[in-house]
Amino acid sequence: MKRGQVKVSVSDSTRTILDMLNDPGLGGGIRSSADIFNNYLKSENKNLQMLIDYSKRLENGAVFKRLGFLLERFSPDEKDIIEKCKSQLTKGNTKLDPKLGADKLVTRWKLWIPKNWVKEQ
């Protein structure tokens, strides 16, 4: 987009969600980013296929781990998209939020999470 003679970058809501999954600090940490993502899932702007497409272009396996984990938590009926996330998992484990301590490994997502993120069974 141009404003006068200056080119201005514009992001859509799906890309903003992806940026926060890539770096939770951009959304104020994973708690805030997860709340924003949960609201995105309920909004008319929700486009999960576009989110997958953007994620593939980013080529960061941590994004798929965080996305799949959060989808299971907030929208477990999105089985097709959750499976697409699982198919993109990379080797190695990562943290849900690199700036938080993490003491529980969710092996199916290769994701270290804080103990208080563990759902009661």
PDB file of N, CA and C in Angstrom:
ATOM      1  N   MET A   1       0.847  -1.152   0.000  1.00  0.00           N
ATOM      2  CA  MET A   1       0.000   0.000   0.000  1.00  0.00           C
ATOM      3  C   MET A   1       0.906   1.232   0.000  1.00  0.00           C
ATOM      4  N   LYS A   2       0.462   2.261  -0.695  1.00  0.00           N
ATOM      5  CA  LYS A   2       1.230   3.505  -0.731  1.00  0.00           C
ATOM      6  C   LYS A   2       0.467   4.611  -0.037  1.00  0.00           C
ATOM      7  N   ARG A   3       1.192   5.365   0.722  1.00  0.00           N
ATOM      8  CA  ARG A   3       0.648   6.574   1.357  1.00  0.00           C
ATOM      9  C   ARG A   3       1.494   7.723   0.821  1.00  0.00           C
ATOM     10  N   GLY A   4       0.934   8.439  -0.128  1.00  0.00           N
ATOM     11  CA  GLY A   4       1.730   9.447  -0.823  1.00  0.00           C
ATOM     12  C   GLY A   4       2.806   8.753  -1.627  1.00  0.00           C
ATOM     13  N   GLN A   5       4.043   9.088  -1.400  1.00  0.00           N
ATOM     14  CA  GLN A   5       5.168   8.469  -2.099  1.00  0.00           C
ATOM     15  C   GLN A   5       5.816   7.342  -1.295  1.00  0.00           C
ATOM     16  N   VAL A   6       5.294   7.109  -0.088  1.00  0.00           N
ATOM     17  CA  VAL A   6       5.910   6.136   0.812  1.00  0.00           C
ATOM     18  C   VAL A   6       5.158   4.812   0.759  1.00  0.00           C
ATOM     19  N   LYS A   7       5.905   3.730   0.568  1.00  0.00           N
ATOM     20  CA  LYS A   7       5.319   2.395   0.586  1.00  0.00           C
ATOM     21  C   LYS A   7       5.167   1.957   2.046  1.00  0.00           C
ATOM     22  N   VAL A   8       3.955   1.542   2.421  1.00  0.00           N
ATOM     23  CA  VAL A   8       3.649   1.147   3.790  1.00  0.00           C
ATOM     24  C   VAL A   8       3.246  -0.324   3.801  1.00  0.00           C
ATOM     25  N   SER A   9       3.885  -1.107   4.671  1.00  0.00           N
ATOM     26  CA  SER A   9       3.528  -2.522   4.807  1.00  0.00           C
ATOM     27  C   SER A   9       2.258  -2.646   5.644  1.00  0.00           C
ATOM     28  N   VAL A  10       1.364  -3.516   5.202  1.00  0.00           N
ATOM     29  CA  VAL A  10       0.115  -3.757   5.910  1.00  0.00           C
ATOM     30  C   VAL A  10       0.000  -5.254   6.151  1.00  0.00           C
ATOM     31  N   SER A  11      -0.446  -5.616   7.339  1.00  0.00           N
ATOM     32  CA  SER A  11      -0.611  -7.021   7.684  1.00  0.00           C
ATOM     33  C   SER A  11      -2.088  -7.318   7.864  1.00  0.00           C
ATOM     34  N   ASP A  12      -2.501  -8.527   7.487  1.00  0.00           N
ATOM     35  CA  ASP A  12      -3.870  -8.937   7.777  1.00  0.00           C
ATOM     36  C   ASP A  12      -3.888  -9.680   9.114  1.00  0.00           C
ATOM     37  N   SER A  13      -5.078  -9.931   9.628  1.00  0.00           N
ATOM     38  CA  SER A  13      -5.185 -10.549  10.956  1.00  0.00           C
ATOM     39  C   SER A  13      -4.562 -11.943  10.994  1.00  0.00           C
ATOM     40  N   THR A  14      -4.664 -12.688   9.905  1.00  0.00           N
ATOM     41  CA  THR A  14      -4.085 -14.037   9.869  1.00  0.00           C
ATOM     42  C   THR A  14      -2.562 -13.961   9.971  1.00  0.00           C
ATOM     43  N   ARG A  15      -1.975 -13.038   9.251  1.00  0.00           N
ATOM     44  CA  ARG A  15      -0.517 -12.884   9.312  1.00  0.00           C
ATOM     45  C   ARG A  15      -0.085 -12.412  10.705  1.00  0.00           C
ATOM     46  N   THR A  16      -0.875 -11.563  11.331  1.00  0.00           N
ATOM     47  CA  THR A  16      -0.555 -11.092  12.677  1.00  0.00           C
ATOM     48  C   THR A  16      -0.566 -12.251  13.669  1.00  0.00           C
ATOM     49  N   ILE A  17      -1.545 -13.149  13.544  1.00  0.00           N
ATOM     50  CA  ILE A  17      -1.595 -14.344  14.395  1.00  0.00           C
ATOM     51  C   ILE A  17      -0.335 -15.178  14.184  1.00  0.00           C
ATOM     52  N   LEU A  18       0.036 -15.378  12.943  1.00  0.00           N
ATOM     53  CA  LEU A  18       1.238 -16.152  12.647  1.00  0.00           C
ATOM     54  C   LEU A  18       2.473 -15.504  13.268  1.00  0.00           C
ATOM     55  N   ASP A  19       2.578 -14.189  13.162  1.00  0.00           N
ATOM     56  CA  ASP A  19       3.735 -13.495  13.740  1.00  0.00           C
ATOM     57  C   ASP A  19       3.799 -13.715  15.246  1.00  0.00           C
ATOM     58  N   MET A  20       2.641 -13.732  15.909  1.00  0.00           N
ATOM     59  CA  MET A  20       2.628 -13.958  17.364  1.00  0.00           C
ATOM     60  C   MET A  20       2.944 -15.417  17.712  1.00  0.00           C
ATOM     61  N   LEU A  21       2.594 -16.351  16.855  1.00  0.00           N
ATOM     62  CA  LEU A  21       2.962 -17.742  17.099  1.00  0.00           C
ATOM     63  C   LEU A  21       4.453 -17.954  16.857  1.00  0.00           C
ATOM     64  N   ASN A  22       4.997 -17.210  15.938  1.00  0.00           N
ATOM     65  CA  ASN A  22       6.426 -17.270  15.660  1.00  0.00           C
ATOM     66  C   ASN A  22       7.226 -16.663  16.802  1.00  0.00           C
ATOM     67  N   ASP A  23       6.747 -15.540  17.337  1.00  0.00           N
ATOM     68  CA  ASP A  23       7.414 -14.847  18.439  1.00  0.00           C
ATOM     69  C   ASP A  23       6.338 -14.371  19.413  1.00  0.00           C
ATOM     70  N   PRO A  24       5.991 -15.201  20.410  1.00  0.00           N
ATOM     71  CA  PRO A  24       4.920 -14.836  21.338  1.00  0.00           C
ATOM     72  C   PRO A  24       5.119 -13.481  22.017  1.00  0.00           C
ATOM     73  N   GLY A  25       6.345 -13.016  22.115  1.00  0.00           N
ATOM     74  CA  GLY A  25       6.613 -11.715  22.715  1.00  0.00           C
ATOM     75  C   GLY A  25       5.951 -10.572  21.961  1.00  0.00           C
ATOM     76  N   LEU A  26       5.722 -10.746  20.659  1.00  0.00           N
ATOM     77  CA  LEU A  26       5.064  -9.699  19.878  1.00  0.00           C
ATOM     78  C   LEU A  26       3.636  -9.455  20.342  1.00  0.00           C
ATOM     79  N   GLY A  27       3.019 -10.479  20.910  1.00  0.00           N
ATOM     80  CA  GLY A  27       1.651 -10.345  21.405  1.00  0.00           C
ATOM     81  C   GLY A  27       1.589 -10.131  22.908  1.00  0.00           C
ATOM     82  N   GLY A  28       2.720  -9.849  23.526  1.00  0.00           N
ATOM     83  CA  GLY A  28       2.744  -9.644  24.967  1.00  0.00           C
ATOM     84  C   GLY A  28       2.954 -10.928  25.744  1.00  0.00           C
ATOM     85  N   GLY A  29       3.492 -11.947  25.101  1.00  0.00           N
ATOM     86  CA  GLY A  29       3.701 -13.248  25.727  1.00  0.00           C
ATOM     87  C   GLY A  29       2.652 -14.247  25.266  1.00  0.00           C
ATOM     88  N   ILE A  30       2.866 -15.499  25.594  1.00  0.00           N
ATOM     89  CA  ILE A  30       1.992 -16.550  25.077  1.00  0.00           C
ATOM     90  C   ILE A  30       0.582 -16.454  25.644  1.00  0.00           C
ATOM     91  N   ARG A  31       0.421 -16.004  26.880  1.00  0.00           N
ATOM     92  CA  ARG A  31      -0.934 -15.903  27.440  1.00  0.00           C
ATOM     93  C   ARG A  31      -1.776 -14.916  26.637  1.00  0.00           C
ATOM     94  N   SER A  32      -1.243 -13.740  26.396  1.00  0.00           N
ATOM     95  CA  SER A  32      -1.970 -12.745  25.597  1.00  0.00           C
ATOM     96  C   SER A  32      -2.129 -13.209  24.152  1.00  0.00           C
ATOM     97  N   SER A  33      -1.069 -13.778  23.595  1.00  0.00           N
ATOM     98  CA  SER A  33      -1.135 -14.263  22.214  1.00  0.00           C
ATOM     99  C   SER A  33      -2.183 -15.360  22.072  1.00  0.00           C
ATOM    100  N   ALA A  34      -2.265 -16.244  23.063  1.00  0.00           N
ATOM    101  CA  ALA A  34      -3.269 -17.315  23.032  1.00  0.00           C
ATOM    102  C   ALA A  34      -4.678 -16.743  23.133  1.00  0.00           C
ATOM    103  N   ASP A  35      -4.862 -15.725  23.970  1.00  0.00           N
ATOM    104  CA  ASP A  35      -6.182 -15.080  24.063  1.00  0.00           C
ATOM    105  C   ASP A  35      -6.569 -14.432  22.739  1.00  0.00           C
ATOM    106  N   ILE A  36      -5.615 -13.762  22.111  1.00  0.00           N
ATOM    107  CA  ILE A  36      -5.872 -13.136  20.812  1.00  0.00           C
ATOM    108  C   ILE A  36      -6.196 -14.207  19.781  1.00  0.00           C
ATOM    109  N   PHE A  37      -5.449 -15.315  19.794  1.00  0.00           N
ATOM    110  CA  PHE A  37      -5.702 -16.420  18.860  1.00  0.00           C
ATOM    111  C   PHE A  37      -7.092 -17.013  19.092  1.00  0.00           C
ATOM    112  N   ASN A  38      -7.478 -17.190  20.342  1.00  0.00           N
ATOM    113  CA  ASN A  38      -8.797 -17.731  20.658  1.00  0.00           C
ATOM    114  C   ASN A  38      -9.899 -16.805  20.119  1.00  0.00           C
ATOM    115  N   ASN A  39      -9.725 -15.515  20.246  1.00  0.00           N
ATOM    116  CA  ASN A  39     -10.686 -14.560  19.691  1.00  0.00           C
ATOM    117  C   ASN A  39     -10.699 -14.613  18.161  1.00  0.00           C
ATOM    118  N   TYR A  40      -9.524 -14.787  17.557  1.00  0.00           N
ATOM    119  CA  TYR A  40      -9.417 -14.938  16.103  1.00  0.00           C
ATOM    120  C   TYR A  40     -10.235 -16.148  15.633  1.00  0.00           C
ATOM    121  N   LEU A  41     -10.151 -17.240  16.396  1.00  0.00           N
ATOM    122  CA  LEU A  41     -10.889 -18.455  16.027  1.00  0.00           C
ATOM    123  C   LEU A  41     -12.401 -18.233  16.022  1.00  0.00           C
ATOM    124  N   LYS A  42     -12.877 -17.270  16.787  1.00  0.00           N
ATOM    125  CA  LYS A  42     -14.303 -16.971  16.883  1.00  0.00           C
ATOM    126  C   LYS A  42     -14.735 -15.842  15.938  1.00  0.00           C
ATOM    127  N   SER A  43     -13.781 -15.269  15.228  1.00  0.00           N
ATOM    128  CA  SER A  43     -14.068 -14.082  14.422  1.00  0.00           C
ATOM    129  C   SER A  43     -14.412 -14.449  12.976  1.00  0.00           C
ATOM    130  N   GLU A  44     -14.960 -13.475  12.281  1.00  0.00           N
ATOM    131  CA  GLU A  44     -15.262 -13.656  10.860  1.00  0.00           C
ATOM    132  C   GLU A  44     -13.989 -13.616  10.019  1.00  0.00           C
ATOM    133  N   ASN A  45     -12.875 -13.189  10.600  1.00  0.00           N
ATOM    134  CA  ASN A  45     -11.594 -13.129   9.888  1.00  0.00           C
ATOM    135  C   ASN A  45     -10.837 -14.452   9.901  1.00  0.00           C
ATOM    136  N   LYS A  46     -11.340 -15.428  10.629  1.00  0.00           N
ATOM    137  CA  LYS A  46     -10.664 -16.727  10.763  1.00  0.00           C
ATOM    138  C   LYS A  46     -10.474 -17.361   9.386  1.00  0.00           C
ATOM    139  N   ASN A  47      -9.226 -17.715   9.103  1.00  0.00           N
ATOM    140  CA  ASN A  47      -8.907 -18.417   7.860  1.00  0.00           C
ATOM    141  C   ASN A  47      -7.748 -19.361   8.169  1.00  0.00           C
ATOM    142  N   LEU A  48      -8.092 -20.554   8.631  1.00  0.00           N
ATOM    143  CA  LEU A  48      -7.062 -21.491   9.085  1.00  0.00           C
ATOM    144  C   LEU A  48      -6.210 -22.024   7.944  1.00  0.00           C
ATOM    145  N   GLN A  49      -6.793 -22.191   6.760  1.00  0.00           N
ATOM    146  CA  GLN A  49      -5.982 -22.661   5.633  1.00  0.00           C
ATOM    147  C   GLN A  49      -4.927 -21.614   5.277  1.00  0.00           C
ATOM    148  N   MET A  50      -5.303 -20.352   5.321  1.00  0.00           N
ATOM    149  CA  MET A  50      -4.327 -19.293   5.055  1.00  0.00           C
ATOM    150  C   MET A  50      -3.248 -19.286   6.137  1.00  0.00           C
ATOM    151  N   LEU A  51      -3.631 -19.566   7.367  1.00  0.00           N
ATOM    152  CA  LEU A  51      -2.671 -19.635   8.464  1.00  0.00           C
ATOM    153  C   LEU A  51      -1.647 -20.747   8.210  1.00  0.00           C
ATOM    154  N   ILE A  52      -2.122 -21.891   7.741  1.00  0.00           N
ATOM    155  CA  ILE A  52      -1.216 -23.000   7.384  1.00  0.00           C
ATOM    156  C   ILE A  52      -0.305 -22.582   6.229  1.00  0.00           C
ATOM    157  N   ASP A  53      -0.884 -21.957   5.208  1.00  0.00           N
ATOM    158  CA  ASP A  53      -0.087 -21.530   4.051  1.00  0.00           C
ATOM    159  C   ASP A  53       0.998 -20.535   4.455  1.00  0.00           C
ATOM    160  N   TYR A  54       0.637 -19.538   5.266  1.00  0.00           N
ATOM    161  CA  TYR A  54       1.629 -18.577   5.759  1.00  0.00           C
ATOM    162  C   TYR A  54       2.705 -19.285   6.576  1.00  0.00           C
ATOM    163  N   SER A  55       2.295 -20.240   7.406  1.00  0.00           N
ATOM    164  CA  SER A  55       3.244 -20.962   8.259  1.00  0.00           C
ATOM    165  C   SER A  55       4.252 -21.738   7.428  1.00  0.00           C
ATOM    166  N   LYS A  56       3.788 -22.358   6.363  1.00  0.00           N
ATOM    167  CA  LYS A  56       4.704 -23.108   5.496  1.00  0.00           C
ATOM    168  C   LYS A  56       5.746 -22.190   4.878  1.00  0.00           C
ATOM    169  N   ARG A  57       5.331 -20.993   4.486  1.00  0.00           N
ATOM    170  CA  ARG A  57       6.276 -20.037   3.898  1.00  0.00           C
ATOM    171  C   ARG A  57       7.306 -19.565   4.916  1.00  0.00           C
ATOM    172  N   LEU A  58       6.916 -19.491   6.165  1.00  0.00           N
ATOM    173  CA  LEU A  58       7.814 -19.035   7.217  1.00  0.00           C
ATOM    174  C   LEU A  58       8.904 -20.069   7.516  1.00  0.00           C
ATOM    175  N   GLU A  59       8.585 -21.339   7.318  1.00  0.00           N
ATOM    176  CA  GLU A  59       9.533 -22.445   7.526  1.00  0.00           C
ATOM    177  C   GLU A  59      10.106 -22.454   8.942  1.00  0.00           C
ATOM    178  N   ASN A  60       9.212 -22.351   9.926  1.00  0.00           N
ATOM    179  CA  ASN A  60       9.615 -22.431  11.329  1.00  0.00           C
ATOM    180  C   ASN A  60       8.747 -23.490  11.996  1.00  0.00           C
ATOM    181  N   GLY A  61       9.344 -24.625  12.318  1.00  0.00           N
ATOM    182  CA  GLY A  61       8.599 -25.731  12.907  1.00  0.00           C
ATOM    183  C   GLY A  61       7.933 -25.386  14.227  1.00  0.00           C
ATOM    184  N   ALA A  62       8.506 -24.450  14.992  1.00  0.00           N
ATOM    185  CA  ALA A  62       7.915 -24.065  16.279  1.00  0.00           C
ATOM    186  C   ALA A  62       6.515 -23.497  16.083  1.00  0.00           C
ATOM    187  N   VAL A  63       6.279 -22.828  14.973  1.00  0.00           N
ATOM    188  CA  VAL A  63       4.958 -22.255  14.698  1.00  0.00           C
ATOM    189  C   VAL A  63       3.913 -23.358  14.611  1.00  0.00           C
ATOM    190  N   PHE A  64       4.219 -24.436  13.894  1.00  0.00           N
ATOM    191  CA  PHE A  64       3.269 -25.545  13.762  1.00  0.00           C
ATOM    192  C   PHE A  64       3.018 -26.225  15.099  1.00  0.00           C
ATOM    193  N   LYS A  65       4.051 -26.319  15.926  1.00  0.00           N
ATOM    194  CA  LYS A  65       3.899 -26.931  17.252  1.00  0.00           C
ATOM    195  C   LYS A  65       2.973 -26.089  18.115  1.00  0.00           C
ATOM    196  N   ARG A  66       3.209 -24.781  18.137  1.00  0.00           N
ATOM    197  CA  ARG A  66       2.357 -23.886  18.929  1.00  0.00           C
ATOM    198  C   ARG A  66       0.939 -23.837  18.370  1.00  0.00           C
ATOM    199  N   LEU A  67       0.819 -23.742  17.055  1.00  0.00           N
ATOM    200  CA  LEU A  67      -0.499 -23.675  16.417  1.00  0.00           C
ATOM    201  C   LEU A  67      -1.310 -24.930  16.694  1.00  0.00           C
ATOM    202  N   GLY A  68      -0.715 -26.091  16.509  1.00  0.00           N
ATOM    203  CA  GLY A  68      -1.430 -27.344  16.745  1.00  0.00           C
ATOM    204  C   GLY A  68      -1.855 -27.493  18.196  1.00  0.00           C
ATOM    205  N   PHE A  69      -0.950 -27.171  19.100  1.00  0.00           N
ATOM    206  CA  PHE A  69      -1.249 -27.249  20.528  1.00  0.00           C
ATOM    207  C   PHE A  69      -2.416 -26.332  20.891  1.00  0.00           C
ATOM    208  N   LEU A  70      -2.371 -25.091  20.428  1.00  0.00           N
ATOM    209  CA  LEU A  70      -3.437 -24.134  20.750  1.00  0.00           C
ATOM    210  C   LEU A  70      -4.755 -24.497  20.072  1.00  0.00           C
ATOM    211  N   LEU A  71      -4.694 -25.040  18.861  1.00  0.00           N
ATOM    212  CA  LEU A  71      -5.928 -25.484  18.204  1.00  0.00           C
ATOM    213  C   LEU A  71      -6.572 -26.628  18.977  1.00  0.00           C
ATOM    214  N   GLU A  72      -5.776 -27.577  19.442  1.00  0.00           N
ATOM    215  CA  GLU A  72      -6.328 -28.672  20.253  1.00  0.00           C
ATOM    216  C   GLU A  72      -6.999 -28.137  21.506  1.00  0.00           C
ATOM    217  N   ARG A  73      -6.434 -27.099  22.082  1.00  0.00           N
ATOM    218  CA  ARG A  73      -6.957 -26.524  23.318  1.00  0.00           C
ATOM    219  C   ARG A  73      -8.233 -25.726  23.075  1.00  0.00           C
ATOM    220  N   PHE A  74      -8.245 -24.868  22.060  1.00  0.00           N
ATOM    221  CA  PHE A  74      -9.341 -23.929  21.856  1.00  0.00           C
ATOM    222  C   PHE A  74     -10.368 -24.354  20.811  1.00  0.00           C
ATOM    223  N   SER A  75      -9.961 -25.195  19.870  1.00  0.00           N
ATOM    224  CA  SER A  75     -10.864 -25.563  18.777  1.00  0.00           C
ATOM    225  C   SER A  75     -10.601 -27.006  18.335  1.00  0.00           C
ATOM    226  N   PRO A  76     -10.819 -27.968  19.239  1.00  0.00           N
ATOM    227  CA  PRO A  76     -10.461 -29.360  18.940  1.00  0.00           C
ATOM    228  C   PRO A  76     -11.233 -29.974  17.764  1.00  0.00           C
ATOM    229  N   ASP A  77     -12.320 -29.357  17.353  1.00  0.00           N
ATOM    230  CA  ASP A  77     -13.070 -29.880  16.215  1.00  0.00           C
ATOM    231  C   ASP A  77     -12.393 -29.585  14.875  1.00  0.00           C
ATOM    232  N   GLU A  78     -11.367 -28.763  14.870  1.00  0.00           N
ATOM    233  CA  GLU A  78     -10.638 -28.440  13.630  1.00  0.00           C
ATOM    234  C   GLU A  78      -9.614 -29.543  13.331  1.00  0.00           C
ATOM    235  N   LYS A  79     -10.097 -30.767  13.282  1.00  0.00           N
ATOM    236  CA  LYS A  79      -9.215 -31.934  13.156  1.00  0.00           C
ATOM    237  C   LYS A  79      -8.347 -31.907  11.901  1.00  0.00           C
ATOM    238  N   ASP A  80      -8.894 -31.453  10.794  1.00  0.00           N
ATOM    239  CA  ASP A  80      -8.139 -31.418   9.543  1.00  0.00           C
ATOM    240  C   ASP A  80      -6.929 -30.483   9.659  1.00  0.00           C
ATOM    241  N   ILE A  81      -7.140 -29.311  10.221  1.00  0.00           N
ATOM    242  CA  ILE A  81      -6.047 -28.348  10.369  1.00  0.00           C
ATOM    243  C   ILE A  81      -5.049 -28.831  11.422  1.00  0.00           C
ATOM    244  N   ILE A  82      -5.536 -29.435  12.481  1.00  0.00           N
ATOM    245  CA  ILE A  82      -4.646 -29.989  13.507  1.00  0.00           C
ATOM    246  C   ILE A  82      -3.746 -31.061  12.882  1.00  0.00           C
ATOM    247  N   GLU A  83      -4.318 -31.911  12.036  1.00  0.00           N
ATOM    248  CA  GLU A  83      -3.516 -32.936  11.349  1.00  0.00           C
ATOM    249  C   GLU A  83      -2.488 -32.301  10.417  1.00  0.00           C
ATOM    250  N   LYS A  84      -2.851 -31.208   9.760  1.00  0.00           N
ATOM    251  CA  LYS A  84      -1.881 -30.515   8.899  1.00  0.00           C
ATOM    252  C   LYS A  84      -0.721 -29.989   9.730  1.00  0.00           C
ATOM    253  N   CYS A  85      -1.009 -29.515  10.924  1.00  0.00           N
ATOM    254  CA  CYS A  85       0.068 -29.071  11.816  1.00  0.00           C
ATOM    255  C   CYS A  85       0.962 -30.248  12.201  1.00  0.00           C
ATOM    256  N   LYS A  86       0.345 -31.379  12.558  1.00  0.00           N
ATOM    257  CA  LYS A  86       1.126 -32.564  12.946  1.00  0.00           C
ATOM    258  C   LYS A  86       2.034 -33.019  11.812  1.00  0.00           C
ATOM    259  N   SER A  87       1.560 -32.905  10.579  1.00  0.00           N
ATOM    260  CA  SER A  87       2.353 -33.368   9.432  1.00  0.00           C
ATOM    261  C   SER A  87       3.568 -32.466   9.183  1.00  0.00           C
ATOM    262  N   GLN A  88       3.595 -31.284   9.796  1.00  0.00           N
ATOM    263  CA  GLN A  88       4.696 -30.346   9.595  1.00  0.00           C
ATOM    264  C   GLN A  88       5.676 -30.297  10.770  1.00  0.00           C
ATOM    265  N   LEU A  89       5.490 -31.178  11.751  1.00  0.00           N
ATOM    266  CA  LEU A  89       6.364 -31.145  12.924  1.00  0.00           C
ATOM    267  C   LEU A  89       7.813 -31.405  12.536  1.00  0.00           C
ATOM    268  N   THR A  90       8.694 -30.656  13.150  1.00  0.00           N
ATOM    269  CA  THR A  90      10.118 -30.816  12.930  1.00  0.00           C
ATOM    270  C   THR A  90      10.722 -31.567  14.113  1.00  0.00           C
ATOM    271  N   LYS A  91      11.961 -32.009  13.953  1.00  0.00           N
ATOM    272  CA  LYS A  91      12.665 -32.696  15.041  1.00  0.00           C
ATOM    273  C   LYS A  91      12.957 -31.709  16.149  1.00  0.00           C
ATOM    274  N   GLY A  92      13.145 -32.246  17.312  1.00  0.00           N
ATOM    275  CA  GLY A  92      13.511 -31.407  18.449  1.00  0.00           C
ATOM    276  C   GLY A  92      12.305 -30.821  19.140  1.00  0.00           C
ATOM    277  N   ASN A  93      12.522 -30.414  20.361  1.00  0.00           N
ATOM    278  CA  ASN A  93      11.471 -29.824  21.177  1.00  0.00           C
ATOM    279  C   ASN A  93      11.678 -28.317  21.242  1.00  0.00           C
ATOM    280  N   THR A  94      10.582 -27.609  21.426  1.00  0.00           N
ATOM    281  CA  THR A  94      10.640 -26.159  21.572  1.00  0.00           C
ATOM    282  C   THR A  94       9.734 -25.742  22.717  1.00  0.00           C
ATOM    283  N   LYS A  95       9.834 -24.502  23.133  1.00  0.00           N
ATOM    284  CA  LYS A  95       8.987 -24.003  24.218  1.00  0.00           C
ATOM    285  C   LYS A  95       7.753 -23.315  23.653  1.00  0.00           C
ATOM    286  N   LEU A  96       6.663 -23.431  24.382  1.00  0.00           N
ATOM    287  CA  LEU A  96       5.452 -22.705  24.029  1.00  0.00           C
ATOM    288  C   LEU A  96       5.766 -21.213  23.994  1.00  0.00           C
ATOM    289  N   ASP A  97       6.506 -20.743  24.970  1.00  0.00           N
ATOM    290  CA  ASP A  97       6.967 -19.355  25.009  1.00  0.00           C
ATOM    291  C   ASP A  97       8.420 -19.376  25.452  1.00  0.00           C
ATOM    292  N   PRO A  98       9.331 -18.976  24.577  1.00  0.00           N
ATOM    293  CA  PRO A  98      10.752 -19.027  24.910  1.00  0.00           C
ATOM    294  C   PRO A  98      11.128 -18.235  26.164  1.00  0.00           C
ATOM    295  N   LYS A  99      10.310 -17.272  26.572  1.00  0.00           N
ATOM    296  CA  LYS A  99      10.646 -16.439  27.728  1.00  0.00           C
ATOM    297  C   LYS A  99      10.097 -16.980  29.036  1.00  0.00           C
ATOM    298  N   LEU A 100       9.334 -18.062  28.985  1.00  0.00           N
ATOM    299  CA  LEU A 100       8.762 -18.653  30.193  1.00  0.00           C
ATOM    300  C   LEU A 100       9.474 -19.949  30.545  1.00  0.00           C
ATOM    301  N   GLY A 101       9.495 -20.261  31.822  1.00  0.00           N
ATOM    302  CA  GLY A 101       9.962 -21.576  32.229  1.00  0.00           C
ATOM    303  C   GLY A 101       8.967 -22.618  31.731  1.00  0.00           C
ATOM    304  N   ALA A 102       9.448 -23.794  31.479  1.00  0.00           N
ATOM    305  CA  ALA A 102       8.580 -24.860  30.987  1.00  0.00           C
ATOM    306  C   ALA A 102       9.035 -26.171  31.594  1.00  0.00           C
ATOM    307  N   ASP A 103       8.121 -26.867  32.272  1.00  0.00           N
ATOM    308  CA  ASP A 103       8.512 -28.074  32.984  1.00  0.00           C
ATOM    309  C   ASP A 103       7.712 -29.306  32.572  1.00  0.00           C
ATOM    310  N   LYS A 104       6.887 -29.183  31.552  1.00  0.00           N
ATOM    311  CA  LYS A 104       6.080 -30.321  31.078  1.00  0.00           C
ATOM    312  C   LYS A 104       6.233 -30.424  29.568  1.00  0.00           C
ATOM    313  N   LEU A 105       6.630 -31.598  29.087  1.00  0.00           N
ATOM    314  CA  LEU A 105       6.770 -31.828  27.656  1.00  0.00           C
ATOM    315  C   LEU A 105       5.508 -32.497  27.120  1.00  0.00           C
ATOM    316  N   VAL A 106       4.865 -31.846  26.175  1.00  0.00           N
ATOM    317  CA  VAL A 106       3.732 -32.442  25.461  1.00  0.00           C
ATOM    318  C   VAL A 106       4.347 -33.130  24.239  1.00  0.00           C
ATOM    319  N   THR A 107       4.549 -34.440  24.362  1.00  0.00           N
ATOM    320  CA  THR A 107       5.337 -35.157  23.359  1.00  0.00           C
ATOM    321  C   THR A 107       4.692 -35.147  21.968  1.00  0.00           C
ATOM    322  N   ARG A 108       3.371 -35.189  21.895  1.00  0.00           N
ATOM    323  CA  ARG A 108       2.743 -35.227  20.563  1.00  0.00           C
ATOM    324  C   ARG A 108       2.987 -33.935  19.790  1.00  0.00           C
ATOM    325  N   TRP A 109       3.308 -32.841  20.509  1.00  0.00           N
ATOM    326  CA  TRP A 109       3.611 -31.565  19.850  1.00  0.00           C
ATOM    327  C   TRP A 109       5.079 -31.177  19.986  1.00  0.00           C
ATOM    328  N   LYS A 110       5.861 -32.013  20.691  1.00  0.00           N
ATOM    329  CA  LYS A 110       7.278 -31.701  20.909  1.00  0.00           C
ATOM    330  C   LYS A 110       7.421 -30.286  21.462  1.00  0.00           C
ATOM    331  N   LEU A 111       6.580 -30.020  22.483  1.00  0.00           N
ATOM    332  CA  LEU A 111       6.443 -28.663  22.989  1.00  0.00           C
ATOM    333  C   LEU A 111       6.542 -28.645  24.511  1.00  0.00           C
ATOM    334  N   TRP A 112       7.487 -27.882  25.019  1.00  0.00           N
ATOM    335  CA  TRP A 112       7.616 -27.666  26.455  1.00  0.00           C
ATOM    336  C   TRP A 112       6.632 -26.577  26.866  1.00  0.00           C
ATOM    337  N   ILE A 113       5.835 -26.857  27.890  1.00  0.00           N
ATOM    338  CA  ILE A 113       4.842 -25.897  28.359  1.00  0.00           C
ATOM    339  C   ILE A 113       4.989 -25.701  29.871  1.00  0.00           C
ATOM    340  N   PRO A 114       4.546 -24.550  30.376  1.00  0.00           N
ATOM    341  CA  PRO A 114       4.525 -24.363  31.830  1.00  0.00           C
ATOM    342  C   PRO A 114       3.498 -25.320  32.451  1.00  0.00           C
ATOM    343  N   LYS A 115       3.776 -25.761  33.656  1.00  0.00           N
ATOM    344  CA  LYS A 115       2.907 -26.717  34.344  1.00  0.00           C
ATOM    345  C   LYS A 115       1.456 -26.219  34.416  1.00  0.00           C
ATOM    346  N   ASN A 116       1.268 -24.915  34.592  1.00  0.00           N
ATOM    347  CA  ASN A 116      -0.100 -24.404  34.732  1.00  0.00           C
ATOM    348  C   ASN A 116      -0.869 -24.379  33.398  1.00  0.00           C
ATOM    349  N   TRP A 117      -0.239 -24.789  32.306  1.00  0.00           N
ATOM    350  CA  TRP A 117      -0.949 -24.917  31.022  1.00  0.00           C
ATOM    351  C   TRP A 117      -1.488 -26.322  30.807  1.00  0.00           C
ATOM    352  N   VAL A 118      -1.159 -27.235  31.701  1.00  0.00           N
ATOM    353  CA  VAL A 118      -1.633 -28.615  31.585  1.00  0.00           C
ATOM    354  C   VAL A 118      -3.115 -28.645  31.923  1.00  0.00           C
ATOM    355  N   LYS A 119      -3.915 -29.169  31.017  1.00  0.00           N
ATOM    356  CA  LYS A 119      -5.354 -29.286  31.256  1.00  0.00           C
ATOM    357  C   LYS A 119      -5.637 -30.421  32.227  1.00  0.00           C
ATOM    358  N   GLU A 120      -6.573 -30.183  33.108  1.00  0.00           N
ATOM    359  CA  GLU A 120      -7.007 -31.243  34.012  1.00  0.00           C
ATOM    360  C   GLU A 120      -7.788 -32.289  33.213  1.00  0.00           C
ATOM    361  N   GLN A 121      -7.545 -33.534  33.508  1.00  0.00           N
ATOM    362  CA  GLN A 121      -8.222 -34.625  32.796  1.00  0.00           C
ATOM    363  C   GLN A 121      -9.539 -34.971  33.441  1.00  0.00           C
TER     364      GLN A 121
END
